[in-house]
């Protein structure tokens, strides 16, 4: 057996015994602290570990950020992420790297080579909401700690439903997605469902260790709420968001999954696992509903 694979299995095995939520609560407290000595210490350590392009930030000065979380979730300058043309192009909702992209096999999505997971498990058995995506299209994008952490609409849509699903907080790095089965259906996640000109659209924000909060523009801070059961919220009338509009944000790095109905997107041919992508870059050409 490949020695690298064995080492990865050993390392990722440690994640099974870590107190995921305790660690993430501590990170939440620390990253939101506005005590100047602490925030300067954390921001200094973070920027030494990760190279940030502050020239594209709306506020390029590190000293202007009162907390580490404020830096994580920094806004970009208005012209930093132009949206791909034509307007019918489905664009990336985030900066990151393509984890996997392609077509669902009935209700199965590819996590990584050798690992699949089910659409029903991803939606926590809300089968009626998952059904439109059977045999559909999916793109999974991993955000590393150095990436821009706000999420944007890949097409214009109208929010109809949101499901908060509690779970573990395994790391979703490339190493763990290669070695931990069904990681996206084990982790805490937020399923956001939209009507759009190309049919039903789902954007699934997947939590991870140190991702101590997920936020949306319509509900604010969503996790971690009390309770251990999935929670469905309906929106009537729906909330309209334009293509490219901010829809949410992560702390630290994590993953977003884009789902569309069958034959509504033709993915661009150069989008392969591991390829870097930025918010607003083209993912695929779309086919509007008749």
C-alpha atoms as a PDB file:
ATOM      1  CA  UNK A   1       0.000   0.000   0.000  1.00  0.00           C
ATOM      2  CA  UNK A   2       1.166   3.553  -0.772  1.00  0.00           C
ATOM      3  CA  UNK A   3       3.166   4.910   2.226  1.00  0.00           C
ATOM      4  CA  UNK A   4       1.739   8.405   1.663  1.00  0.00           C
ATOM      5  CA  UNK A   5      -1.794   7.038   1.845  1.00  0.00           C
ATOM      6  CA  UNK A   6      -0.985   5.194   5.067  1.00  0.00           C
ATOM      7  CA  UNK A   7       0.430   8.381   6.589  1.00  0.00           C
ATOM      8  CA  UNK A   8      -2.650  10.349   5.548  1.00  0.00           C
ATOM      9  CA  UNK A   9      -4.930   7.700   7.089  1.00  0.00           C
ATOM     10  CA  UNK A  10      -2.947   7.895  10.337  1.00  0.00           C
ATOM     11  CA  UNK A  11      -3.087  11.685  10.461  1.00  0.00           C
ATOM     12  CA  UNK A  12      -6.782  11.918   9.579  1.00  0.00           C
ATOM     13  CA  UNK A  13      -7.557   9.196  12.122  1.00  0.00           C
ATOM     14  CA  UNK A  14      -6.697  11.750  14.809  1.00  0.00           C
ATOM     15  CA  UNK A  15      -9.658  13.869  13.698  1.00  0.00           C
ATOM     16  CA  UNK A  16     -12.061  11.173  14.920  1.00  0.00           C
ATOM     17  CA  UNK A  17     -11.010  11.727  18.540  1.00  0.00           C
ATOM     18  CA  UNK A  18     -10.636  15.520  18.541  1.00  0.00           C
ATOM     19  CA  UNK A  19     -13.351  17.551  20.340  1.00  0.00           C
ATOM     20  CA  UNK A  20     -14.397  19.346  17.148  1.00  0.00           C
ATOM     21  CA  UNK A  21     -17.012  21.672  18.589  1.00  0.00           C
ATOM     22  CA  UNK A  22     -14.987  22.623  21.669  1.00  0.00           C
ATOM     23  CA  UNK A  23     -12.005  23.557  19.504  1.00  0.00           C
ATOM     24  CA  UNK A  24     -14.241  25.554  17.162  1.00  0.00           C
ATOM     25  CA  UNK A  25     -15.913  27.424  20.057  1.00  0.00           C
ATOM     26  CA  UNK A  26     -12.484  28.414  21.347  1.00  0.00           C
ATOM     27  CA  UNK A  27     -11.481  29.587  17.870  1.00  0.00           C
ATOM     28  CA  UNK A  28     -14.749  31.560  17.653  1.00  0.00           C
ATOM     29  CA  UNK A  29     -13.969  33.404  20.890  1.00  0.00           C
ATOM     30  CA  UNK A  30     -10.367  34.097  19.956  1.00  0.00           C
ATOM     31  CA  UNK A  31     -11.005  35.130  16.348  1.00  0.00           C
ATOM     32  CA  UNK A  32     -13.763  37.589  17.351  1.00  0.00           C
ATOM     33  CA  UNK A  33     -11.785  39.159  20.191  1.00  0.00           C
ATOM     34  CA  UNK A  34     -11.146  42.883  19.715  1.00  0.00           C
ATOM     35  CA  UNK A  35      -8.614  43.096  22.542  1.00  0.00           C
ATOM     36  CA  UNK A  36      -5.886  44.879  20.655  1.00  0.00           C
ATOM     37  CA  UNK A  37      -2.929  42.891  21.989  1.00  0.00           C
ATOM     38  CA  UNK A  38      -4.656  39.593  21.209  1.00  0.00           C
ATOM     39  CA  UNK A  39      -6.003  40.541  17.786  1.00  0.00           C
ATOM     40  CA  UNK A  40      -2.575  41.919  16.752  1.00  0.00           C
ATOM     41  CA  UNK A  41      -0.923  38.704  17.916  1.00  0.00           C
ATOM     42  CA  UNK A  42      -3.391  36.493  16.019  1.00  0.00           C
ATOM     43  CA  UNK A  43      -3.358  38.612  12.852  1.00  0.00           C
ATOM     44  CA  UNK A  44       0.438  38.651  12.896  1.00  0.00           C
ATOM     45  CA  UNK A  45       0.628  34.870  13.227  1.00  0.00           C
ATOM     46  CA  UNK A  46      -2.026  34.357  10.541  1.00  0.00           C
ATOM     47  CA  UNK A  47      -0.353  36.607   7.983  1.00  0.00           C
ATOM     48  CA  UNK A  48       2.992  34.903   8.582  1.00  0.00           C
ATOM     49  CA  UNK A  49       1.417  31.500   7.917  1.00  0.00           C
ATOM     50  CA  UNK A  50      -0.645  32.533   4.895  1.00  0.00           C
ATOM     51  CA  UNK A  51       0.148  34.968   2.094  1.00  0.00           C
ATOM     52  CA  UNK A  52      -2.737  37.400   1.622  1.00  0.00           C
ATOM     53  CA  UNK A  53      -3.215  39.767  -1.313  1.00  0.00           C
ATOM     54  CA  UNK A  54      -4.351  42.845   0.568  1.00  0.00           C
ATOM     55  CA  UNK A  55      -4.073  45.006  -2.553  1.00  0.00           C
ATOM     56  CA  UNK A  56      -7.458  43.663  -3.699  1.00  0.00           C
ATOM     57  CA  UNK A  57      -9.150  44.221  -0.314  1.00  0.00           C
ATOM     58  CA  UNK A  58     -11.552  47.108   0.183  1.00  0.00           C
ATOM     59  CA  UNK A  59      -9.415  48.001   3.228  1.00  0.00           C
ATOM     60  CA  UNK A  60      -5.775  47.079   2.470  1.00  0.00           C
ATOM     61  CA  UNK A  61      -4.312  48.057   5.865  1.00  0.00           C
ATOM     62  CA  UNK A  62      -4.009  45.186   8.374  1.00  0.00           C
ATOM     63  CA  UNK A  63      -4.134  47.653  11.261  1.00  0.00           C
ATOM     64  CA  UNK A  64      -7.694  48.634  10.267  1.00  0.00           C
ATOM     65  CA  UNK A  65      -9.098  45.199  11.204  1.00  0.00           C
ATOM     66  CA  UNK A  66     -10.256  45.031  14.849  1.00  0.00           C
ATOM     67  CA  UNK A  67     -10.195  41.221  15.032  1.00  0.00           C
ATOM     68  CA  UNK A  68      -8.858  38.192  13.228  1.00  0.00           C
ATOM     69  CA  UNK A  69     -12.385  37.329  12.078  1.00  0.00           C
ATOM     70  CA  UNK A  70     -12.764  40.776  10.524  1.00  0.00           C
ATOM     71  CA  UNK A  71      -9.673  40.021   8.440  1.00  0.00           C
ATOM     72  CA  UNK A  72     -10.943  36.511   7.526  1.00  0.00           C
ATOM     73  CA  UNK A  73     -14.214  37.938   6.255  1.00  0.00           C
ATOM     74  CA  UNK A  74     -12.774  41.095   4.669  1.00  0.00           C
ATOM     75  CA  UNK A  75     -14.586  42.684   1.743  1.00  0.00           C
ATOM     76  CA  UNK A  76     -12.933  43.039  -1.635  1.00  0.00           C
ATOM     77  CA  UNK A  77     -12.643  46.172  -3.740  1.00  0.00           C
ATOM     78  CA  UNK A  78     -15.646  46.514  -6.092  1.00  0.00           C
ATOM     79  CA  UNK A  79     -13.621  45.676  -9.217  1.00  0.00           C
ATOM     80  CA  UNK A  80     -11.569  42.820  -7.708  1.00  0.00           C
ATOM     81  CA  UNK A  81     -13.807  40.002  -8.979  1.00  0.00           C
ATOM     82  CA  UNK A  82     -15.457  40.804 -12.342  1.00  0.00           C
ATOM     83  CA  UNK A  83     -18.161  38.335 -13.320  1.00  0.00           C
ATOM     84  CA  UNK A  84     -17.493  36.127 -16.343  1.00  0.00           C
ATOM     85  CA  UNK A  85     -19.392  36.870 -19.537  1.00  0.00           C
ATOM     86  CA  UNK A  86     -21.893  36.198 -20.967  1.00  0.00           C
ATOM     87  CA  UNK A  87     -24.495  36.726 -18.266  1.00  0.00           C
ATOM     88  CA  UNK A  88     -25.776  33.189 -18.872  1.00  0.00           C
ATOM     89  CA  UNK A  89     -22.450  31.808 -17.575  1.00  0.00           C
ATOM     90  CA  UNK A  90     -22.701  30.143 -14.154  1.00  0.00           C
ATOM     91  CA  UNK A  91     -19.863  31.607 -12.082  1.00  0.00           C
ATOM     92  CA  UNK A  92     -17.858  30.355  -9.134  1.00  0.00           C
ATOM     93  CA  UNK A  93     -19.431  31.335  -5.797  1.00  0.00           C
ATOM     94  CA  UNK A  94     -16.040  31.432  -4.046  1.00  0.00           C
ATOM     95  CA  UNK A  95     -12.287  31.681  -4.230  1.00  0.00           C
ATOM     96  CA  UNK A  96     -10.751  28.254  -3.755  1.00  0.00           C
ATOM     97  CA  UNK A  97      -9.868  25.077  -5.588  1.00  0.00           C
ATOM     98  CA  UNK A  98     -12.053  22.626  -7.475  1.00  0.00           C
ATOM     99  CA  UNK A  99     -12.412  19.528  -5.312  1.00  0.00           C
ATOM    100  CA  UNK A 100     -14.668  17.596  -7.717  1.00  0.00           C
ATOM    101  CA  UNK A 101     -17.008  18.566 -10.543  1.00  0.00           C
ATOM    102  CA  UNK A 102     -19.337  16.627 -12.795  1.00  0.00           C
ATOM    103  CA  UNK A 103     -22.677  14.827 -12.918  1.00  0.00           C
ATOM    104  CA  UNK A 104     -24.622  12.981 -10.244  1.00  0.00           C
ATOM    105  CA  UNK A 105     -25.033   9.268 -10.848  1.00  0.00           C
ATOM    106  CA  UNK A 106     -28.716   9.080  -9.925  1.00  0.00           C
ATOM    107  CA  UNK A 107     -28.412  10.255  -6.293  1.00  0.00           C
ATOM    108  CA  UNK A 108     -24.655   9.796  -5.849  1.00  0.00           C
ATOM    109  CA  UNK A 109     -21.977  12.510  -5.809  1.00  0.00           C
ATOM    110  CA  UNK A 110     -18.246  11.951  -6.074  1.00  0.00           C
ATOM    111  CA  UNK A 111     -16.314  13.085  -2.990  1.00  0.00           C
ATOM    112  CA  UNK A 112     -12.874  11.877  -4.127  1.00  0.00           C
ATOM    113  CA  UNK A 113     -11.464   8.875  -5.925  1.00  0.00           C
ATOM    114  CA  UNK A 114     -13.018   5.810  -4.306  1.00  0.00           C
ATOM    115  CA  UNK A 115     -15.535   7.740  -2.191  1.00  0.00           C
ATOM    116  CA  UNK A 116     -19.118   8.701  -2.991  1.00  0.00           C
ATOM    117  CA  UNK A 117     -21.986  10.032  -0.878  1.00  0.00           C
ATOM    118  CA  UNK A 118     -25.729  10.267  -1.372  1.00  0.00           C
ATOM    119  CA  UNK A 119     -27.874  13.270  -2.152  1.00  0.00           C
ATOM    120  CA  UNK A 120     -30.437  12.169   0.457  1.00  0.00           C
ATOM    121  CA  UNK A 121     -27.782  12.033   3.191  1.00  0.00           C
ATOM    122  CA  UNK A 122     -26.496  15.469   2.134  1.00  0.00           C
ATOM    123  CA  UNK A 123     -30.031  16.854   2.579  1.00  0.00           C
ATOM    124  CA  UNK A 124     -30.577  14.921   5.845  1.00  0.00           C
ATOM    125  CA  UNK A 125     -33.461  12.931   4.282  1.00  0.00           C
ATOM    126  CA  UNK A 126     -35.426  15.997   3.130  1.00  0.00           C
ATOM    127  CA  UNK A 127     -36.150  13.911   0.048  1.00  0.00           C
ATOM    128  CA  UNK A 128     -38.696  16.261  -1.528  1.00  0.00           C
ATOM    129  CA  UNK A 129     -36.113  19.067  -1.560  1.00  0.00           C
ATOM    130  CA  UNK A 130     -33.333  16.798  -2.827  1.00  0.00           C
ATOM    131  CA  UNK A 131     -35.371  15.189  -5.621  1.00  0.00           C
ATOM    132  CA  UNK A 132     -34.881  17.904  -8.313  1.00  0.00           C
ATOM    133  CA  UNK A 133     -31.117  17.297  -8.233  1.00  0.00           C
ATOM    134  CA  UNK A 134     -31.187  13.558  -9.009  1.00  0.00           C
ATOM    135  CA  UNK A 135     -28.983  12.975 -12.097  1.00  0.00           C
ATOM    136  CA  UNK A 136     -28.092  16.660 -11.925  1.00  0.00           C
ATOM    137  CA  UNK A 137     -24.796  18.561 -11.951  1.00  0.00           C
ATOM    138  CA  UNK A 138     -22.473  19.387  -9.068  1.00  0.00           C
ATOM    139  CA  UNK A 139     -19.323  21.364  -8.327  1.00  0.00           C
ATOM    140  CA  UNK A 140     -17.443  21.194  -5.019  1.00  0.00           C
ATOM    141  CA  UNK A 141     -15.082  24.057  -4.160  1.00  0.00           C
ATOM    142  CA  UNK A 142     -12.645  23.974  -1.239  1.00  0.00           C
ATOM    143  CA  UNK A 143     -11.703  27.266   0.462  1.00  0.00           C
ATOM    144  CA  UNK A 144      -8.335  27.217   2.225  1.00  0.00           C
ATOM    145  CA  UNK A 145      -7.569  29.504   5.201  1.00  0.00           C
ATOM    146  CA  UNK A 146      -5.778  31.957   2.881  1.00  0.00           C
ATOM    147  CA  UNK A 147      -8.764  32.423   0.549  1.00  0.00           C
ATOM    148  CA  UNK A 148     -11.381  35.156   0.407  1.00  0.00           C
ATOM    149  CA  UNK A 149     -14.185  33.847   2.649  1.00  0.00           C
ATOM    150  CA  UNK A 150     -17.342  35.492   1.354  1.00  0.00           C
ATOM    151  CA  UNK A 151     -19.689  33.464  -0.857  1.00  0.00           C
ATOM    152  CA  UNK A 152     -21.645  34.809  -3.820  1.00  0.00           C
ATOM    153  CA  UNK A 153     -24.488  33.759  -6.079  1.00  0.00           C
ATOM    154  CA  UNK A 154     -23.411  31.789  -9.185  1.00  0.00           C
ATOM    155  CA  UNK A 155     -26.640  32.832 -10.935  1.00  0.00           C
ATOM    156  CA  UNK A 156     -29.538  35.049  -9.939  1.00  0.00           C
ATOM    157  CA  UNK A 157     -31.917  33.201  -7.632  1.00  0.00           C
ATOM    158  CA  UNK A 158     -34.813  33.428  -5.206  1.00  0.00           C
ATOM    159  CA  UNK A 159     -34.245  31.776  -1.820  1.00  0.00           C
ATOM    160  CA  UNK A 160     -37.144  29.473  -0.899  1.00  0.00           C
ATOM    161  CA  UNK A 161     -35.749  27.090   1.771  1.00  0.00           C
ATOM    162  CA  UNK A 162     -32.808  26.669   4.120  1.00  0.00           C
ATOM    163  CA  UNK A 163     -31.883  23.550   6.118  1.00  0.00           C
ATOM    164  CA  UNK A 164     -29.456  23.729   9.016  1.00  0.00           C
ATOM    165  CA  UNK A 165     -28.015  20.246   9.637  1.00  0.00           C
ATOM    166  CA  UNK A 166     -25.872  19.626  12.753  1.00  0.00           C
ATOM    167  CA  UNK A 167     -22.907  17.293  12.599  1.00  0.00           C
ATOM    168  CA  UNK A 168     -19.200  16.787  13.131  1.00  0.00           C
ATOM    169  CA  UNK A 169     -16.540  19.298  12.151  1.00  0.00           C
ATOM    170  CA  UNK A 170     -13.894  17.225  10.413  1.00  0.00           C
ATOM    171  CA  UNK A 171     -11.329  19.182   8.444  1.00  0.00           C
ATOM    172  CA  UNK A 172     -12.329  19.284   4.760  1.00  0.00           C
ATOM    173  CA  UNK A 173      -8.817  19.720   3.413  1.00  0.00           C
ATOM    174  CA  UNK A 174      -7.847  17.747   0.291  1.00  0.00           C
ATOM    175  CA  UNK A 175      -6.150  15.172   2.532  1.00  0.00           C
ATOM    176  CA  UNK A 176      -9.228  14.468   4.655  1.00  0.00           C
ATOM    177  CA  UNK A 177     -11.612  14.361   1.681  1.00  0.00           C
ATOM    178  CA  UNK A 178      -9.355  11.667   0.206  1.00  0.00           C
ATOM    179  CA  UNK A 179      -9.389   9.560   3.373  1.00  0.00           C
ATOM    180  CA  UNK A 180     -12.575  10.144   5.438  1.00  0.00           C
ATOM    181  CA  UNK A 181     -15.675   8.535   3.848  1.00  0.00           C
ATOM    182  CA  UNK A 182     -18.873  10.620   3.462  1.00  0.00           C
ATOM    183  CA  UNK A 183     -17.238  13.630   5.084  1.00  0.00           C
ATOM    184  CA  UNK A 184     -19.717  16.131   3.599  1.00  0.00           C
ATOM    185  CA  UNK A 185     -22.690  14.232   5.017  1.00  0.00           C
ATOM    186  CA  UNK A 186     -21.052  13.866   8.449  1.00  0.00           C
ATOM    187  CA  UNK A 187     -20.154  17.519   8.899  1.00  0.00           C
ATOM    188  CA  UNK A 188     -22.362  20.376   9.986  1.00  0.00           C
ATOM    189  CA  UNK A 189     -23.823  22.119   6.964  1.00  0.00           C
ATOM    190  CA  UNK A 190     -26.287  24.662   5.674  1.00  0.00           C
ATOM    191  CA  UNK A 191     -28.356  23.813   2.584  1.00  0.00           C
ATOM    192  CA  UNK A 192     -29.677  26.923   0.798  1.00  0.00           C
ATOM    193  CA  UNK A 193     -32.254  26.316  -1.954  1.00  0.00           C
ATOM    194  CA  UNK A 194     -33.229  28.697  -4.731  1.00  0.00           C
ATOM    195  CA  UNK A 195     -35.510  29.002  -7.721  1.00  0.00           C
ATOM    196  CA  UNK A 196     -33.699  30.379 -10.761  1.00  0.00           C
ATOM    197  CA  UNK A 197     -33.986  30.734 -14.527  1.00  0.00           C
ATOM    198  CA  UNK A 198     -32.125  27.389 -14.842  1.00  0.00           C
ATOM    199  CA  UNK A 199     -34.430  25.622 -12.393  1.00  0.00           C
ATOM    200  CA  UNK A 200     -33.676  24.620  -8.826  1.00  0.00           C
ATOM    201  CA  UNK A 201     -30.289  25.580  -7.418  1.00  0.00           C
ATOM    202  CA  UNK A 202     -28.676  24.478  -4.144  1.00  0.00           C
ATOM    203  CA  UNK A 203     -25.688  26.041  -2.418  1.00  0.00           C
ATOM    204  CA  UNK A 204     -24.451  23.898   0.483  1.00  0.00           C
ATOM    205  CA  UNK A 205     -22.083  25.480   2.987  1.00  0.00           C
ATOM    206  CA  UNK A 206     -20.120  22.699   4.731  1.00  0.00           C
ATOM    207  CA  UNK A 207     -18.646  23.460   8.142  1.00  0.00           C
ATOM    208  CA  UNK A 208     -15.247  22.234   9.297  1.00  0.00           C
ATOM    209  CA  UNK A 209     -12.979  22.332  12.329  1.00  0.00           C
ATOM    210  CA  UNK A 210     -12.155  25.972  13.172  1.00  0.00           C
ATOM    211  CA  UNK A 211     -15.046  27.120  10.956  1.00  0.00           C
ATOM    212  CA  UNK A 212     -16.656  28.419  14.085  1.00  0.00           C
ATOM    213  CA  UNK A 213     -19.515  30.242  12.382  1.00  0.00           C
ATOM    214  CA  UNK A 214     -21.435  30.305   9.124  1.00  0.00           C
ATOM    215  CA  UNK A 215     -23.459  33.354   8.171  1.00  0.00           C
ATOM    216  CA  UNK A 216     -25.964  34.264   5.473  1.00  0.00           C
ATOM    217  CA  UNK A 217     -27.041  37.726   4.404  1.00  0.00           C
ATOM    218  CA  UNK A 218     -30.691  36.911   5.161  1.00  0.00           C
ATOM    219  CA  UNK A 219     -30.355  35.137   8.534  1.00  0.00           C
ATOM    220  CA  UNK A 220     -27.076  36.440   9.966  1.00  0.00           C
ATOM    221  CA  UNK A 221     -25.137  34.018  12.179  1.00  0.00           C
ATOM    222  CA  UNK A 222     -26.690  30.598  11.611  1.00  0.00           C
ATOM    223  CA  UNK A 223     -24.412  28.187  13.449  1.00  0.00           C
ATOM    224  CA  UNK A 224     -23.865  26.950  16.036  1.00  0.00           C
ATOM    225  CA  UNK A 225     -27.495  27.189  17.254  1.00  0.00           C
ATOM    226  CA  UNK A 226     -28.948  25.124  20.109  1.00  0.00           C
ATOM    227  CA  UNK A 227     -30.312  21.672  19.334  1.00  0.00           C
ATOM    228  CA  UNK A 228     -29.074  18.602  17.495  1.00  0.00           C
ATOM    229  CA  UNK A 229     -31.782  18.040  14.877  1.00  0.00           C
ATOM    230  CA  UNK A 230     -32.045  19.451  11.330  1.00  0.00           C
ATOM    231  CA  UNK A 231     -33.999  22.680  11.125  1.00  0.00           C
ATOM    232  CA  UNK A 232     -35.926  23.704   8.013  1.00  0.00           C
ATOM    233  CA  UNK A 233     -36.766  27.355   7.340  1.00  0.00           C
ATOM    234  CA  UNK A 234     -39.151  28.434   4.574  1.00  0.00           C
ATOM    235  CA  UNK A 235     -39.092  31.842   2.915  1.00  0.00           C
ATOM    236  CA  UNK A 236     -42.338  33.254   1.565  1.00  0.00           C
ATOM    237  CA  UNK A 237     -42.099  35.472  -0.309  1.00  0.00           C
ATOM    238  CA  UNK A 238     -38.699  34.251  -1.567  1.00  0.00           C
ATOM    239  CA  UNK A 239     -35.627  36.448  -1.078  1.00  0.00           C
ATOM    240  CA  UNK A 240     -34.178  37.586  -4.407  1.00  0.00           C
ATOM    241  CA  UNK A 241     -30.401  37.738  -4.907  1.00  0.00           C
ATOM    242  CA  UNK A 242     -28.677  38.835  -8.102  1.00  0.00           C
ATOM    243  CA  UNK A 243     -25.869  36.956  -9.860  1.00  0.00           C
ATOM    244  CA  UNK A 244     -22.654  37.776  -8.010  1.00  0.00           C
ATOM    245  CA  UNK A 245     -24.423  39.095  -4.910  1.00  0.00           C
ATOM    246  CA  UNK A 246     -23.009  38.070  -1.532  1.00  0.00           C
ATOM    247  CA  UNK A 247     -25.034  35.227   0.018  1.00  0.00           C
ATOM    248  CA  UNK A 248     -22.905  34.212   3.021  1.00  0.00           C
ATOM    249  CA  UNK A 249     -19.484  33.808   4.577  1.00  0.00           C
ATOM    250  CA  UNK A 250     -17.237  31.377   6.460  1.00  0.00           C
ATOM    251  CA  UNK A 251     -14.681  31.773   9.191  1.00  0.00           C
ATOM    252  CA  UNK A 252     -11.398  30.099   8.231  1.00  0.00           C
ATOM    253  CA  UNK A 253     -11.600  27.633   5.309  1.00  0.00           C
ATOM    254  CA  UNK A 254     -14.287  25.196   4.295  1.00  0.00           C
ATOM    255  CA  UNK A 255     -16.257  23.905   1.293  1.00  0.00           C
ATOM    256  CA  UNK A 256     -19.240  24.976  -0.784  1.00  0.00           C
ATOM    257  CA  UNK A 257     -21.175  22.562  -3.025  1.00  0.00           C
ATOM    258  CA  UNK A 258     -23.181  23.838  -6.006  1.00  0.00           C
ATOM    259  CA  UNK A 259     -26.062  21.672  -7.301  1.00  0.00           C
ATOM    260  CA  UNK A 260     -28.248  22.209 -10.355  1.00  0.00           C
ATOM    261  CA  UNK A 261     -30.902  20.172 -12.099  1.00  0.00           C
ATOM    262  CA  UNK A 262     -30.043  17.716 -14.872  1.00  0.00           C
ATOM    263  CA  UNK A 263     -28.660  19.180 -18.119  1.00  0.00           C
ATOM    264  CA  UNK A 264     -28.832  22.783 -16.918  1.00  0.00           C
ATOM    265  CA  UNK A 265     -25.051  23.362 -16.892  1.00  0.00           C
ATOM    266  CA  UNK A 266     -22.249  22.339 -19.253  1.00  0.00           C
ATOM    267  CA  UNK A 267     -19.094  22.539 -17.128  1.00  0.00           C
ATOM    268  CA  UNK A 268     -16.090  24.175 -18.775  1.00  0.00           C
ATOM    269  CA  UNK A 269     -13.613  21.568 -19.980  1.00  0.00           C
ATOM    270  CA  UNK A 270     -10.562  22.860 -18.073  1.00  0.00           C
ATOM    271  CA  UNK A 271     -12.152  22.538 -14.615  1.00  0.00           C
ATOM    272  CA  UNK A 272     -10.406  19.560 -13.065  1.00  0.00           C
ATOM    273  CA  UNK A 273      -9.791  18.619  -9.413  1.00  0.00           C
ATOM    274  CA  UNK A 274      -7.093  20.766  -7.838  1.00  0.00           C
ATOM    275  CA  UNK A 275      -7.514  23.690 -10.230  1.00  0.00           C
ATOM    276  CA  UNK A 276      -7.605  27.083  -8.515  1.00  0.00           C
ATOM    277  CA  UNK A 277     -10.603  29.296  -9.200  1.00  0.00           C
ATOM    278  CA  UNK A 278     -11.751  32.718  -8.079  1.00  0.00           C
ATOM    279  CA  UNK A 279     -15.198  34.041  -7.331  1.00  0.00           C
ATOM    280  CA  UNK A 280     -16.789  35.294 -10.535  1.00  0.00           C
ATOM    281  CA  UNK A 281     -14.800  33.053 -12.890  1.00  0.00           C
ATOM    282  CA  UNK A 282     -16.869  30.917 -15.229  1.00  0.00           C
ATOM    283  CA  UNK A 283     -17.874  27.390 -14.184  1.00  0.00           C
ATOM    284  CA  UNK A 284     -20.158  26.483 -17.054  1.00  0.00           C
ATOM    285  CA  UNK A 285     -22.684  27.617 -19.646  1.00  0.00           C
ATOM    286  CA  UNK A 286     -26.296  27.323 -18.570  1.00  0.00           C
ATOM    287  CA  UNK A 287     -29.524  26.208 -20.227  1.00  0.00           C
ATOM    288  CA  UNK A 288     -32.561  28.206 -19.151  1.00  0.00           C
ATOM    289  CA  UNK A 289     -35.920  26.574 -18.553  1.00  0.00           C
ATOM    290  CA  UNK A 290     -38.219  26.639 -21.556  1.00  0.00           C
END
